[in-house]
Amino acid sequence: MLNMKFRNYLPHDKQLQEGKLAPAVLPKFEDPVAAVPSAPEKIEDPFVNIAPKKPNWDLRRDVQKKLDKLERRTQKAIYQLMQEQEKEKEALEAENGEAED
């Protein structure tokens, strides 16, 4: 007689059913990743991402250094203009003071 063994197939013929093998017993697998407790996740503020970013946010980021430099120069120029106006004012007061004498 034929010596056939069936692992995954169930034959319809009764003579061949004798060759059917019992299902294999699988060893219990424990996932080492699942066994380690996960680190607590950072809780994000849900209101941070509600409003979308403006479409030019990346341009502002790239130009921010130049804008800071320009702001410093602007403040310096305003300060110099104020000093010049103060000097002109003092010069006018000095002329008026000498003219009155």
PDB file of N, CA and C in Angstrom:
ATOM      1  N   MET A   1       0.834  -1.184   0.000  1.00  0.00           N
ATOM      2  CA  MET A   1       0.000   0.000   0.000  1.00  0.00           C
ATOM      3  C   MET A   1       0.869   1.235   0.000  1.00  0.00           C
ATOM      4  N   LEU A   2       0.278   2.319  -0.366  1.00  0.00           N
ATOM      5  CA  LEU A   2       0.988   3.592  -0.422  1.00  0.00           C
ATOM      6  C   LEU A   2       1.257   4.106   0.976  1.00  0.00           C
ATOM      7  N   ASN A   3       2.375   4.708   1.140  1.00  0.00           N
ATOM      8  CA  ASN A   3       2.714   5.293   2.437  1.00  0.00           C
ATOM      9  C   ASN A   3       2.724   6.811   2.266  1.00  0.00           C
ATOM     10  N   MET A   4       1.558   7.424   2.356  1.00  0.00           N
ATOM     11  CA  MET A   4       1.433   8.870   2.195  1.00  0.00           C
ATOM     12  C   MET A   4       1.055   9.485   3.524  1.00  0.00           C
ATOM     13  N   LYS A   5       1.592  10.670   3.735  1.00  0.00           N
ATOM     14  CA  LYS A   5       1.254  11.406   4.952  1.00  0.00           C
ATOM     15  C   LYS A   5       0.676  12.754   4.532  1.00  0.00           C
ATOM     16  N   PHE A   6      -0.446  13.072   5.115  1.00  0.00           N
ATOM     17  CA  PHE A   6      -1.128  14.314   4.766  1.00  0.00           C
ATOM     18  C   PHE A   6      -1.068  15.260   5.960  1.00  0.00           C
ATOM     19  N   ARG A   7      -0.446  16.372   5.749  1.00  0.00           N
ATOM     20  CA  ARG A   7      -0.344  17.354   6.837  1.00  0.00           C
ATOM     21  C   ARG A   7      -1.442  18.406   6.734  1.00  0.00           C
ATOM     22  N   ASN A   8      -1.662  18.941   5.556  1.00  0.00           N
ATOM     23  CA  ASN A   8      -2.619  20.030   5.374  1.00  0.00           C
ATOM     24  C   ASN A   8      -3.835  19.637   4.541  1.00  0.00           C
ATOM     25  N   TYR A   9      -3.883  18.399   4.132  1.00  0.00           N
ATOM     26  CA  TYR A   9      -4.966  17.967   3.241  1.00  0.00           C
ATOM     27  C   TYR A   9      -5.750  16.858   3.916  1.00  0.00           C
ATOM     28  N   LEU A  10      -7.047  16.975   3.879  1.00  0.00           N
ATOM     29  CA  LEU A  10      -7.927  15.939   4.424  1.00  0.00           C
ATOM     30  C   LEU A  10      -8.480  15.135   3.247  1.00  0.00           C
ATOM     31  N   PRO A  11      -7.990  13.915   3.051  1.00  0.00           N
ATOM     32  CA  PRO A  11      -8.456  13.122   1.906  1.00  0.00           C
ATOM     33  C   PRO A  11      -9.884  12.618   2.123  1.00  0.00           C
ATOM     34  N   HIS A  12     -10.609  12.458   1.032  1.00  0.00           N
ATOM     35  CA  HIS A  12     -11.984  11.971   1.083  1.00  0.00           C
ATOM     36  C   HIS A  12     -12.024  10.434   1.169  1.00  0.00           C
ATOM     37  N   ASP A  13     -11.017   9.818   0.631  1.00  0.00           N
ATOM     38  CA  ASP A  13     -10.959   8.350   0.652  1.00  0.00           C
ATOM     39  C   ASP A  13     -10.623   7.872   2.060  1.00  0.00           C
ATOM     40  N   LYS A  14     -11.376   6.896   2.562  1.00  0.00           N
ATOM     41  CA  LYS A  14     -11.188   6.432   3.932  1.00  0.00           C
ATOM     42  C   LYS A  14      -9.866   5.704   4.106  1.00  0.00           C
ATOM     43  N   GLN A  15      -9.386   5.059   3.075  1.00  0.00           N
ATOM     44  CA  GLN A  15      -8.106   4.358   3.180  1.00  0.00           C
ATOM     45  C   GLN A  15      -6.955   5.356   3.328  1.00  0.00           C
ATOM     46  N   LEU A  16      -7.094   6.508   2.680  1.00  0.00           N
ATOM     47  CA  LEU A  16      -6.022   7.507   2.742  1.00  0.00           C
ATOM     48  C   LEU A  16      -6.088   8.344   4.018  1.00  0.00           C
ATOM     49  N   GLN A  17      -7.209   8.327   4.709  1.00  0.00           N
ATOM     50  CA  GLN A  17      -7.332   9.127   5.928  1.00  0.00           C
ATOM     51  C   GLN A  17      -6.433   8.605   7.044  1.00  0.00           C
ATOM     52  N   GLU A  18      -5.979   7.353   6.922  1.00  0.00           N
ATOM     53  CA  GLU A  18      -5.063   6.807   7.920  1.00  0.00           C
ATOM     54  C   GLU A  18      -3.730   7.545   7.896  1.00  0.00           C
ATOM     55  N   GLY A  19      -3.355   8.088   6.774  1.00  0.00           N
ATOM     56  CA  GLY A  19      -2.087   8.797   6.648  1.00  0.00           C
ATOM     57  C   GLY A  19      -2.150  10.244   7.120  1.00  0.00           C
ATOM     58  N   LYS A  20      -3.285  10.650   7.613  1.00  0.00           N
ATOM     59  CA  LYS A  20      -3.445  12.035   8.077  1.00  0.00           C
ATOM     60  C   LYS A  20      -2.660  12.231   9.370  1.00  0.00           C
ATOM     61  N   LEU A  21      -1.898  13.285   9.427  1.00  0.00           N
ATOM     62  CA  LEU A  21      -1.098  13.600  10.614  1.00  0.00           C
ATOM     63  C   LEU A  21      -1.851  14.566  11.511  1.00  0.00           C
ATOM     64  N   ALA A  22      -1.586  14.472  12.786  1.00  0.00           N
ATOM     65  CA  ALA A  22      -2.179  15.423  13.737  1.00  0.00           C
ATOM     66  C   ALA A  22      -1.538  16.784  13.522  1.00  0.00           C
ATOM     67  N   PRO A  23      -2.295  17.842  13.753  1.00  0.00           N
ATOM     68  CA  PRO A  23      -1.701  19.172  13.555  1.00  0.00           C
ATOM     69  C   PRO A  23      -0.523  19.386  14.499  1.00  0.00           C
ATOM     70  N   ALA A  24       0.456  20.072  13.984  1.00  0.00           N
ATOM     71  CA  ALA A  24       1.668  20.330  14.767  1.00  0.00           C
ATOM     72  C   ALA A  24       1.358  21.275  15.914  1.00  0.00           C
ATOM     73  N   VAL A  25       2.007  21.028  17.037  1.00  0.00           N
ATOM     74  CA  VAL A  25       1.825  21.893  18.203  1.00  0.00           C
ATOM     75  C   VAL A  25       2.874  22.994  18.113  1.00  0.00           C
ATOM     76  N   LEU A  26       2.404  24.200  18.064  1.00  0.00           N
ATOM     77  CA  LEU A  26       3.320  25.328  17.946  1.00  0.00           C
ATOM     78  C   LEU A  26       3.788  25.764  19.326  1.00  0.00           C
ATOM     79  N   PRO A  27       5.067  26.058  19.446  1.00  0.00           N
ATOM     80  CA  PRO A  27       5.533  26.557  20.743  1.00  0.00           C
ATOM     81  C   PRO A  27       4.955  27.946  20.999  1.00  0.00           C
ATOM     82  N   LYS A  28       4.744  28.256  22.248  1.00  0.00           N
ATOM     83  CA  LYS A  28       4.178  29.559  22.597  1.00  0.00           C
ATOM     84  C   LYS A  28       5.247  30.625  22.377  1.00  0.00           C
ATOM     85  N   PHE A  29       4.884  31.629  21.629  1.00  0.00           N
ATOM     86  CA  PHE A  29       5.820  32.702  21.301  1.00  0.00           C
ATOM     87  C   PHE A  29       5.481  33.935  22.120  1.00  0.00           C
ATOM     88  N   GLU A  30       6.474  34.452  22.814  1.00  0.00           N
ATOM     89  CA  GLU A  30       6.288  35.690  23.567  1.00  0.00           C
ATOM     90  C   GLU A  30       7.117  36.771  22.899  1.00  0.00           C
ATOM     91  N   ASP A  31       6.461  37.804  22.511  1.00  0.00           N
ATOM     92  CA  ASP A  31       7.125  38.905  21.823  1.00  0.00           C
ATOM     93  C   ASP A  31       7.951  39.703  22.826  1.00  0.00           C
ATOM     94  N   PRO A  32       9.283  39.780  22.642  1.00  0.00           N
ATOM     95  CA  PRO A  32      10.102  40.532  23.603  1.00  0.00           C
ATOM     96  C   PRO A  32       9.820  42.034  23.567  1.00  0.00           C
ATOM     97  N   VAL A  33       9.375  42.537  22.440  1.00  0.00           N
ATOM     98  CA  VAL A  33       9.071  43.967  22.338  1.00  0.00           C
ATOM     99  C   VAL A  33       7.812  44.294  23.124  1.00  0.00           C
ATOM    100  N   ALA A  34       6.818  43.409  23.056  1.00  0.00           N
ATOM    101  CA  ALA A  34       5.568  43.650  23.770  1.00  0.00           C
ATOM    102  C   ALA A  34       5.745  43.464  25.272  1.00  0.00           C
ATOM    103  N   ALA A  35       6.722  42.639  25.681  1.00  0.00           N
ATOM    104  CA  ALA A  35       6.940  42.384  27.104  1.00  0.00           C
ATOM    105  C   ALA A  35       7.513  43.605  27.810  1.00  0.00           C
ATOM    106  N   VAL A  36       8.313  44.406  27.095  1.00  0.00           N
ATOM    107  CA  VAL A  36       8.918  45.600  27.688  1.00  0.00           C
ATOM    108  C   VAL A  36       7.861  46.701  27.726  1.00  0.00           C
ATOM    109  N   PRO A  37       7.635  47.301  28.891  1.00  0.00           N
ATOM    110  CA  PRO A  37       6.642  48.385  28.941  1.00  0.00           C
ATOM    111  C   PRO A  37       7.134  49.580  28.134  1.00  0.00           C
ATOM    112  N   SER A  38       6.240  50.138  27.375  1.00  0.00           N
ATOM    113  CA  SER A  38       6.618  51.268  26.531  1.00  0.00           C
ATOM    114  C   SER A  38       6.796  52.518  27.381  1.00  0.00           C
ATOM    115  N   ALA A  39       7.668  53.391  26.910  1.00  0.00           N
ATOM    116  CA  ALA A  39       7.911  54.649  27.614  1.00  0.00           C
ATOM    117  C   ALA A  39       6.660  55.515  27.504  1.00  0.00           C
ATOM    118  N   PRO A  40       6.374  56.286  28.533  1.00  0.00           N
ATOM    119  CA  PRO A  40       5.184  57.146  28.444  1.00  0.00           C
ATOM    120  C   PRO A  40       5.355  58.162  27.319  1.00  0.00           C
ATOM    121  N   GLU A  41       4.328  58.281  26.532  1.00  0.00           N
ATOM    122  CA  GLU A  41       4.380  59.195  25.398  1.00  0.00           C
ATOM    123  C   GLU A  41       4.186  60.624  25.875  1.00  0.00           C
ATOM    124  N   LYS A  42       4.812  61.523  25.153  1.00  0.00           N
ATOM    125  CA  LYS A  42       4.652  62.936  25.482  1.00  0.00           C
ATOM    126  C   LYS A  42       3.224  63.358  25.151  1.00  0.00           C
ATOM    127  N   ILE A  43       2.617  64.022  26.082  1.00  0.00           N
ATOM    128  CA  ILE A  43       1.256  64.494  25.859  1.00  0.00           C
ATOM    129  C   ILE A  43       1.343  65.874  25.223  1.00  0.00           C
ATOM    130  N   GLU A  44       0.836  65.961  24.010  1.00  0.00           N
ATOM    131  CA  GLU A  44       0.883  67.231  23.296  1.00  0.00           C
ATOM    132  C   GLU A  44      -0.376  68.036  23.584  1.00  0.00           C
ATOM    133  N   ASP A  45      -0.204  69.329  23.530  1.00  0.00           N
ATOM    134  CA  ASP A  45      -1.350  70.208  23.712  1.00  0.00           C
ATOM    135  C   ASP A  45      -2.227  70.096  22.463  1.00  0.00           C
ATOM    136  N   PRO A  46      -3.477  69.711  22.601  1.00  0.00           N
ATOM    137  CA  PRO A  46      -4.307  69.510  21.407  1.00  0.00           C
ATOM    138  C   PRO A  46      -4.637  70.804  20.675  1.00  0.00           C
ATOM    139  N   PHE A  47      -4.449  71.948  21.319  1.00  0.00           N
ATOM    140  CA  PHE A  47      -4.809  73.214  20.686  1.00  0.00           C
ATOM    141  C   PHE A  47      -3.671  73.801  19.861  1.00  0.00           C
ATOM    142  N   VAL A  48      -2.494  73.172  19.893  1.00  0.00           N
ATOM    143  CA  VAL A  48      -1.349  73.695  19.148  1.00  0.00           C
ATOM    144  C   VAL A  48      -1.571  73.553  17.649  1.00  0.00           C
ATOM    145  N   ASN A  49      -2.086  72.432  17.224  1.00  0.00           N
ATOM    146  CA  ASN A  49      -2.195  72.153  15.795  1.00  0.00           C
ATOM    147  C   ASN A  49      -3.581  72.424  15.225  1.00  0.00           C
ATOM    148  N   ILE A  50      -4.404  73.139  15.962  1.00  0.00           N
ATOM    149  CA  ILE A  50      -5.750  73.416  15.449  1.00  0.00           C
ATOM    150  C   ILE A  50      -5.680  74.395  14.283  1.00  0.00           C
ATOM    151  N   ALA A  51      -5.005  75.512  14.493  1.00  0.00           N
ATOM    152  CA  ALA A  51      -4.910  76.520  13.437  1.00  0.00           C
ATOM    153  C   ALA A  51      -3.773  76.141  12.492  1.00  0.00           C
ATOM    154  N   PRO A  52      -4.021  76.142  11.197  1.00  0.00           N
ATOM    155  CA  PRO A  52      -2.951  75.817  10.260  1.00  0.00           C
ATOM    156  C   PRO A  52      -1.920  76.939  10.218  1.00  0.00           C
ATOM    157  N   LYS A  53      -0.708  76.572   9.881  1.00  0.00           N
ATOM    158  CA  LYS A  53       0.346  77.577   9.767  1.00  0.00           C
ATOM    159  C   LYS A  53       0.081  78.442   8.546  1.00  0.00           C
ATOM    160  N   LYS A  54       0.584  79.646   8.615  1.00  0.00           N
ATOM    161  CA  LYS A  54       0.439  80.526   7.462  1.00  0.00           C
ATOM    162  C   LYS A  54       1.275  79.960   6.320  1.00  0.00           C
ATOM    163  N   PRO A  55       0.876  80.211   5.081  1.00  0.00           N
ATOM    164  CA  PRO A  55       1.597  79.605   3.965  1.00  0.00           C
ATOM    165  C   PRO A  55       3.020  80.116   3.791  1.00  0.00           C
ATOM    166  N   ASN A  56       3.349  81.238   4.394  1.00  0.00           N
ATOM    167  CA  ASN A  56       4.694  81.783   4.207  1.00  0.00           C
ATOM    168  C   ASN A  56       5.572  81.575   5.437  1.00  0.00           C
ATOM    169  N   TRP A  57       5.241  80.634   6.315  1.00  0.00           N
ATOM    170  CA  TRP A  57       6.011  80.453   7.542  1.00  0.00           C
ATOM    171  C   TRP A  57       7.443  80.032   7.247  1.00  0.00           C
ATOM    172  N   ASP A  58       7.673  79.235   6.203  1.00  0.00           N
ATOM    173  CA  ASP A  58       9.032  78.809   5.894  1.00  0.00           C
ATOM    174  C   ASP A  58       9.854  79.962   5.332  1.00  0.00           C
ATOM    175  N   LEU A  59       9.211  80.862   4.594  1.00  0.00           N
ATOM    176  CA  LEU A  59       9.928  82.027   4.080  1.00  0.00           C
ATOM    177  C   LEU A  59      10.349  82.937   5.231  1.00  0.00           C
ATOM    178  N   ARG A  60       9.445  83.130   6.180  1.00  0.00           N
ATOM    179  CA  ARG A  60       9.778  83.958   7.343  1.00  0.00           C
ATOM    180  C   ARG A  60      10.937  83.348   8.121  1.00  0.00           C
ATOM    181  N   ARG A  61      10.924  82.029   8.281  1.00  0.00           N
ATOM    182  CA  ARG A  61      11.995  81.353   9.008  1.00  0.00           C
ATOM    183  C   ARG A  61      13.333  81.568   8.302  1.00  0.00           C
ATOM    184  N   ASP A  62      13.342  81.449   6.980  1.00  0.00           N
ATOM    185  CA  ASP A  62      14.583  81.575   6.225  1.00  0.00           C
ATOM    186  C   ASP A  62      15.109  83.004   6.222  1.00  0.00           C
ATOM    187  N   VAL A  63      14.230  83.988   6.307  1.00  0.00           N
ATOM    188  CA  VAL A  63      14.627  85.386   6.195  1.00  0.00           C
ATOM    189  C   VAL A  63      14.789  86.038   7.570  1.00  0.00           C
ATOM    190  N   GLN A  64      14.507  85.319   8.646  1.00  0.00           N
ATOM    191  CA  GLN A  64      14.484  85.912   9.978  1.00  0.00           C
ATOM    192  C   GLN A  64      15.828  86.541  10.357  1.00  0.00           C
ATOM    193  N   LYS A  65      16.954  85.913  10.018  1.00  0.00           N
ATOM    194  CA  LYS A  65      18.272  86.486  10.338  1.00  0.00           C
ATOM    195  C   LYS A  65      18.449  87.851   9.675  1.00  0.00           C
ATOM    196  N   LYS A  66      18.074  87.913   8.413  1.00  0.00           N
ATOM    197  CA  LYS A  66      18.219  89.171   7.681  1.00  0.00           C
ATOM    198  C   LYS A  66      17.298  90.239   8.261  1.00  0.00           C
ATOM    199  N   LEU A  67      16.089  89.831   8.646  1.00  0.00           N
ATOM    200  CA  LEU A  67      15.160  90.795   9.243  1.00  0.00           C
ATOM    201  C   LEU A  67      15.680  91.316  10.578  1.00  0.00           C
ATOM    202  N   ASP A  68      16.290  90.442  11.370  1.00  0.00           N
ATOM    203  CA  ASP A  68      16.860  90.874  12.652  1.00  0.00           C
ATOM    204  C   ASP A  68      17.982  91.886  12.432  1.00  0.00           C
ATOM    205  N   LYS A  69      18.828  91.600  11.453  1.00  0.00           N
ATOM    206  CA  LYS A  69      19.933  92.511  11.144  1.00  0.00           C
ATOM    207  C   LYS A  69      19.391  93.860  10.666  1.00  0.00           C
ATOM    208  N   LEU A  70      18.376  93.822   9.811  1.00  0.00           N
ATOM    209  CA  LEU A  70      17.763  95.043   9.304  1.00  0.00           C
ATOM    210  C   LEU A  70      17.120  95.837  10.440  1.00  0.00           C
ATOM    211  N   GLU A  71      16.488  95.157  11.387  1.00  0.00           N
ATOM    212  CA  GLU A  71      15.861  95.825  12.528  1.00  0.00           C
ATOM    213  C   GLU A  71      16.910  96.550  13.376  1.00  0.00           C
ATOM    214  N   ARG A  72      18.056  95.895  13.607  1.00  0.00           N
ATOM    215  CA  ARG A  72      19.134  96.548  14.373  1.00  0.00           C
ATOM    216  C   ARG A  72      19.636  97.797  13.646  1.00  0.00           C
ATOM    217  N   ARG A  73      19.827  97.682  12.334  1.00  0.00           N
ATOM    218  CA  ARG A  73      20.303  98.836  11.566  1.00  0.00           C
ATOM    219  C   ARG A  73      19.273  99.965  11.576  1.00  0.00           C
ATOM    220  N   THR A  74      17.996  99.614  11.490  1.00  0.00           N
ATOM    221  CA  THR A  74      16.932 100.621  11.516  1.00  0.00           C
ATOM    222  C   THR A  74      16.932 101.361  12.845  1.00  0.00           C
ATOM    223  N   GLN A  75      17.029 100.623  13.946  1.00  0.00           N
ATOM    224  CA  GLN A  75      17.054 101.250  15.268  1.00  0.00           C
ATOM    225  C   GLN A  75      18.268 102.165  15.413  1.00  0.00           C
ATOM    226  N   LYS A  76      19.412 101.729  14.882  1.00  0.00           N
ATOM    227  CA  LYS A  76      20.628 102.545  14.954  1.00  0.00           C
ATOM    228  C   LYS A  76      20.457 103.833  14.141  1.00  0.00           C
ATOM    229  N   ALA A  77      19.847 103.723  12.948  1.00  0.00           N
ATOM    230  CA  ALA A  77      19.631 104.904  12.106  1.00  0.00           C
ATOM    231  C   ALA A  77      18.662 105.875  12.771  1.00  0.00           C
ATOM    232  N   ILE A  78      17.607 105.362  13.398  1.00  0.00           N
ATOM    233  CA  ILE A  78      16.651 106.228  14.104  1.00  0.00           C
ATOM    234  C   ILE A  78      17.353 106.954  15.245  1.00  0.00           C
ATOM    235  N   TYR A  79      18.210 106.232  15.970  1.00  0.00           N
ATOM    236  CA  TYR A  79      18.949 106.836  17.084  1.00  0.00           C
ATOM    237  C   TYR A  79      19.864 107.960  16.572  1.00  0.00           C
ATOM    238  N   GLN A  80      20.548 107.709  15.446  1.00  0.00           N
ATOM    239  CA  GLN A  80      21.434 108.733  14.889  1.00  0.00           C
ATOM    240  C   GLN A  80      20.639 109.958  14.439  1.00  0.00           C
ATOM    241  N   LEU A  81      19.484 109.755  13.816  1.00  0.00           N
ATOM    242  CA  LEU A  81      18.649 110.885  13.401  1.00  0.00           C
ATOM    243  C   LEU A  81      18.193 111.699  14.610  1.00  0.00           C
ATOM    244  N   MET A  82      17.832 111.010  15.687  1.00  0.00           N
ATOM    245  CA  MET A  82      17.415 111.720  16.900  1.00  0.00           C
ATOM    246  C   MET A  82      18.571 112.542  17.471  1.00  0.00           C
ATOM    247  N   GLN A  83      19.790 111.997  17.431  1.00  0.00           N
ATOM    248  CA  GLN A  83      20.953 112.739  17.922  1.00  0.00           C
ATOM    249  C   GLN A  83      21.200 113.982  17.071  1.00  0.00           C
ATOM    250  N   GLU A  84      21.094 113.831  15.741  1.00  0.00           N
ATOM    251  CA  GLU A  84      21.302 114.980  14.860  1.00  0.00           C
ATOM    252  C   GLU A  84      20.256 116.060  15.121  1.00  0.00           C
ATOM    253  N   GLN A  85      18.997 115.658  15.294  1.00  0.00           N
ATOM    254  CA  GLN A  85      17.947 116.635  15.588  1.00  0.00           C
ATOM    255  C   GLN A  85      18.218 117.330  16.915  1.00  0.00           C
ATOM    256  N   GLU A  86      18.692 116.590  17.896  1.00  0.00           N
ATOM    257  CA  GLU A  86      19.007 117.179  19.206  1.00  0.00           C
ATOM    258  C   GLU A  86      20.147 118.191  19.074  1.00  0.00           C
ATOM    259  N   LYS A  87      21.170 117.855  18.272  1.00  0.00           N
ATOM    260  CA  LYS A  87      22.290 118.780  18.069  1.00  0.00           C
ATOM    261  C   LYS A  87      21.818 120.049  17.363  1.00  0.00           C
ATOM    262  N   GLU A  88      20.957 119.890  16.333  1.00  0.00           N
ATOM    263  CA  GLU A  88      20.434 121.063  15.631  1.00  0.00           C
ATOM    264  C   GLU A  88      19.608 121.930  16.576  1.00  0.00           C
ATOM    265  N   LYS A  89      18.832 121.307  17.421  1.00  0.00           N
ATOM    266  CA  LYS A  89      18.010 122.040  18.382  1.00  0.00           C
ATOM    267  C   LYS A  89      18.893 122.807  19.367  1.00  0.00           C
ATOM    268  N   GLU A  90      19.949 122.164  19.850  1.00  0.00           N
ATOM    269  CA  GLU A  90      20.876 122.833  20.772  1.00  0.00           C
ATOM    270  C   GLU A  90      21.594 123.979  20.068  1.00  0.00           C
ATOM    271  N   ALA A  91      21.949 123.775  18.780  1.00  0.00           N
ATOM    272  CA  ALA A  91      22.627 124.835  18.032  1.00  0.00           C
ATOM    273  C   ALA A  91      21.697 126.030  17.861  1.00  0.00           C
ATOM    274  N   LEU A  92      20.416 125.787  17.564  1.00  0.00           N
ATOM    275  CA  LEU A  92      19.455 126.882  17.433  1.00  0.00           C
ATOM    276  C   LEU A  92      19.272 127.612  18.758  1.00  0.00           C
ATOM    277  N   GLU A  93      19.204 126.867  19.845  1.00  0.00           N
ATOM    278  CA  GLU A  93      19.054 127.494  21.161  1.00  0.00           C
ATOM    279  C   GLU A  93      20.288 128.319  21.505  1.00  0.00           C
ATOM    280  N   ALA A  94      21.452 127.823  21.113  1.00  0.00           N
ATOM    281  CA  ALA A  94      22.685 128.563  21.386  1.00  0.00           C
ATOM    282  C   ALA A  94      22.713 129.858  20.570  1.00  0.00           C
ATOM    283  N   GLU A  95      22.278 129.798  19.300  1.00  0.00           N
ATOM    284  CA  GLU A  95      22.235 131.005  18.475  1.00  0.00           C
ATOM    285  C   GLU A  95      21.232 131.999  19.036  1.00  0.00           C
ATOM    286  N   ASN A  96      20.063 131.517  19.439  1.00  0.00           N
ATOM    287  CA  ASN A  96      19.046 132.397  20.012  1.00  0.00           C
ATOM    288  C   ASN A  96      19.534 132.996  21.327  1.00  0.00           C
ATOM    289  N   GLY A  97      20.259 132.244  22.106  1.00  0.00           N
ATOM    290  CA  GLY A  97      20.794 132.746  23.372  1.00  0.00           C
ATOM    291  C   GLY A  97      21.844 133.816  23.138  1.00  0.00           C
ATOM    292  N   GLU A  98      22.685 133.670  22.108  1.00  0.00           N
ATOM    293  CA  GLU A  98      23.720 134.660  21.807  1.00  0.00           C
ATOM    294  C   GLU A  98      23.093 135.901  21.197  1.00  0.00           C
ATOM    295  N   ALA A  99      22.036 135.720  20.399  1.00  0.00           N
ATOM    296  CA  ALA A  99      21.390 136.859  19.758  1.00  0.00           C
ATOM    297  C   ALA A  99      20.680 137.726  20.787  1.00  0.00           C
ATOM    298  N   GLU A 100      20.192 137.162  21.863  1.00  0.00           N
ATOM    299  CA  GLU A 100      19.489 137.917  22.885  1.00  0.00           C
ATOM    300  C   GLU A 100      20.460 138.722  23.732  1.00  0.00           C
ATOM    301  N   ASP A 101      21.677 138.289  23.824  1.00  0.00           N
ATOM    302  CA  ASP A 101      22.631 139.017  24.668  1.00  0.00           C
ATOM    303  C   ASP A 101      23.006 140.317  24.107  1.00  0.00           C
TER     304      ASP A 101
END
